[in-house]
Amino acid sequence: MKTKMNTPAYETFCRLMTEENLYVDPTLTFATVCRWIGVSPSELDLELGEELGFSGEAMIHHLRARQAARLREQYGIVR
């Protein structure tokens, strides 16, 4: 079985989200990140959906929600 290679844009997006934590910027949008890395949002959305089951905006939202939950738990922050 042949393994699909991810595109450089996919790899860059994932690194920016998971290593650089760009998602913490509340003004950041998926379209902005796509513009920075020079890829069409629809193309990257398709690849993200196939690989991760998330759209780009959904992934950013998921990471923000996960970070908020972690901070609430760690610091006892109540909504």
C-alpha atoms as a PDB file:
ATOM      1  CA  MET A   1       0.000   0.000   0.000  1.00  0.00           C
ATOM      2  CA  LYS A   2       1.402   3.359  -1.038  1.00  0.00           C
ATOM      3  CA  THR A   3       1.368   6.161   1.547  1.00  0.00           C
ATOM      4  CA  LYS A   4       0.207   9.567   0.311  1.00  0.00           C
ATOM      5  CA  MET A   5       2.727  12.360   0.684  1.00  0.00           C
ATOM      6  CA  ASN A   6       1.378  15.558   2.185  1.00  0.00           C
ATOM      7  CA  THR A   7       1.935  18.816   0.333  1.00  0.00           C
ATOM      8  CA  PRO A   8       4.414  21.391   1.641  1.00  0.00           C
ATOM      9  CA  ALA A   9       1.477  23.746   2.339  1.00  0.00           C
ATOM     10  CA  TYR A  10      -0.199  21.075   4.502  1.00  0.00           C
ATOM     11  CA  GLU A  11       3.029  20.455   6.408  1.00  0.00           C
ATOM     12  CA  THR A  12       3.607  24.180   6.912  1.00  0.00           C
ATOM     13  CA  PHE A  13       0.038  24.783   8.096  1.00  0.00           C
ATOM     14  CA  CYS A  14       0.261  21.945  10.612  1.00  0.00           C
ATOM     15  CA  ARG A  15       3.626  23.177  11.916  1.00  0.00           C
ATOM     16  CA  LEU A  16       2.337  26.741  12.252  1.00  0.00           C
ATOM     17  CA  MET A  17      -0.620  25.491  14.267  1.00  0.00           C
ATOM     18  CA  THR A  18       1.085  22.870  16.447  1.00  0.00           C
ATOM     19  CA  GLU A  19       4.627  24.191  16.889  1.00  0.00           C
ATOM     20  CA  GLU A  20       4.199  27.954  16.562  1.00  0.00           C
ATOM     21  CA  ASN A  21       0.708  28.031  18.130  1.00  0.00           C
ATOM     22  CA  LEU A  22      -0.526  30.728  15.756  1.00  0.00           C
ATOM     23  CA  TYR A  23      -4.114  29.775  16.598  1.00  0.00           C
ATOM     24  CA  VAL A  24      -3.873  31.732  19.864  1.00  0.00           C
ATOM     25  CA  ASP A  25      -4.219  34.952  17.856  1.00  0.00           C
ATOM     26  CA  PRO A  26      -7.987  35.541  17.973  1.00  0.00           C
ATOM     27  CA  THR A  27      -7.884  37.557  14.749  1.00  0.00           C
ATOM     28  CA  LEU A  28      -6.205  34.775  12.765  1.00  0.00           C
ATOM     29  CA  THR A  29      -8.282  33.177  10.032  1.00  0.00           C
ATOM     30  CA  PHE A  30      -7.653  30.131   7.903  1.00  0.00           C
ATOM     31  CA  ALA A  31      -7.734  32.315   4.787  1.00  0.00           C
ATOM     32  CA  THR A  32      -4.982  34.528   6.220  1.00  0.00           C
ATOM     33  CA  VAL A  33      -2.722  31.563   6.931  1.00  0.00           C
ATOM     34  CA  CYS A  34      -3.358  30.222   3.427  1.00  0.00           C
ATOM     35  CA  ARG A  35      -2.405  33.587   1.952  1.00  0.00           C
ATOM     36  CA  TRP A  36       0.830  33.613   4.008  1.00  0.00           C
ATOM     37  CA  ILE A  37       1.861  30.178   2.775  1.00  0.00           C
ATOM     38  CA  GLY A  38       0.662  30.743  -0.790  1.00  0.00           C
ATOM     39  CA  VAL A  39      -2.049  28.139  -1.126  1.00  0.00           C
ATOM     40  CA  SER A  40      -5.724  28.244  -2.024  1.00  0.00           C
ATOM     41  CA  PRO A  41      -7.941  27.795   1.053  1.00  0.00           C
ATOM     42  CA  SER A  42     -10.143  25.345  -0.862  1.00  0.00           C
ATOM     43  CA  GLU A  43      -7.154  23.184  -1.836  1.00  0.00           C
ATOM     44  CA  LEU A  44      -5.747  23.062   1.689  1.00  0.00           C
ATOM     45  CA  ASP A  45      -9.219  22.520   3.164  1.00  0.00           C
ATOM     46  CA  LEU A  46      -9.622  19.471   0.952  1.00  0.00           C
ATOM     47  CA  GLU A  47      -6.299  17.997   2.051  1.00  0.00           C
ATOM     48  CA  LEU A  48      -6.953  18.726   5.727  1.00  0.00           C
ATOM     49  CA  GLY A  49     -10.365  17.120   5.461  1.00  0.00           C
ATOM     50  CA  GLU A  50      -8.948  14.014   3.834  1.00  0.00           C
ATOM     51  CA  GLU A  51      -6.079  13.669   6.309  1.00  0.00           C
ATOM     52  CA  LEU A  52      -7.549  14.926   9.581  1.00  0.00           C
ATOM     53  CA  GLY A  53     -11.294  15.104   9.124  1.00  0.00           C
ATOM     54  CA  PHE A  54     -11.298  18.844   9.868  1.00  0.00           C
ATOM     55  CA  SER A  55     -11.619  21.907   7.670  1.00  0.00           C
ATOM     56  CA  GLY A  56      -8.984  24.582   8.245  1.00  0.00           C
ATOM     57  CA  GLU A  57     -11.330  26.860  10.196  1.00  0.00           C
ATOM     58  CA  ALA A  58     -12.589  23.887  12.230  1.00  0.00           C
ATOM     59  CA  MET A  59      -9.027  22.894  13.081  1.00  0.00           C
ATOM     60  CA  ILE A  60      -8.196  26.398  14.287  1.00  0.00           C
ATOM     61  CA  HIS A  61     -11.414  26.466  16.340  1.00  0.00           C
ATOM     62  CA  HIS A  62     -10.662  23.001  17.782  1.00  0.00           C
ATOM     63  CA  LEU A  63      -7.141  24.038  18.822  1.00  0.00           C
ATOM     64  CA  ARG A  64      -8.479  27.220  20.457  1.00  0.00           C
ATOM     65  CA  ALA A  65     -11.152  25.276  22.339  1.00  0.00           C
ATOM     66  CA  ARG A  66      -8.619  22.674  23.482  1.00  0.00           C
ATOM     67  CA  GLN A  67      -6.261  25.414  24.713  1.00  0.00           C
ATOM     68  CA  ALA A  68      -9.092  27.165  26.569  1.00  0.00           C
ATOM     69  CA  ALA A  69     -10.131  23.902  28.258  1.00  0.00           C
ATOM     70  CA  ARG A  70      -6.524  23.219  29.276  1.00  0.00           C
ATOM     71  CA  LEU A  71      -6.165  26.692  30.784  1.00  0.00           C
ATOM     72  CA  ARG A  72      -9.487  26.391  32.618  1.00  0.00           C
ATOM     73  CA  GLU A  73      -8.412  23.077  34.103  1.00  0.00           C
ATOM     74  CA  GLN A  74      -4.858  24.142  34.914  1.00  0.00           C
ATOM     75  CA  TYR A  75      -5.762  27.450  36.540  1.00  0.00           C
ATOM     76  CA  GLY A  76      -9.269  26.766  37.778  1.00  0.00           C
ATOM     77  CA  ILE A  77     -10.712  29.393  35.478  1.00  0.00           C
ATOM     78  CA  VAL A  78     -14.497  29.359  35.491  1.00  0.00           C
ATOM     79  CA  ARG A  79     -16.395  30.619  32.489  1.00  0.00           C
END
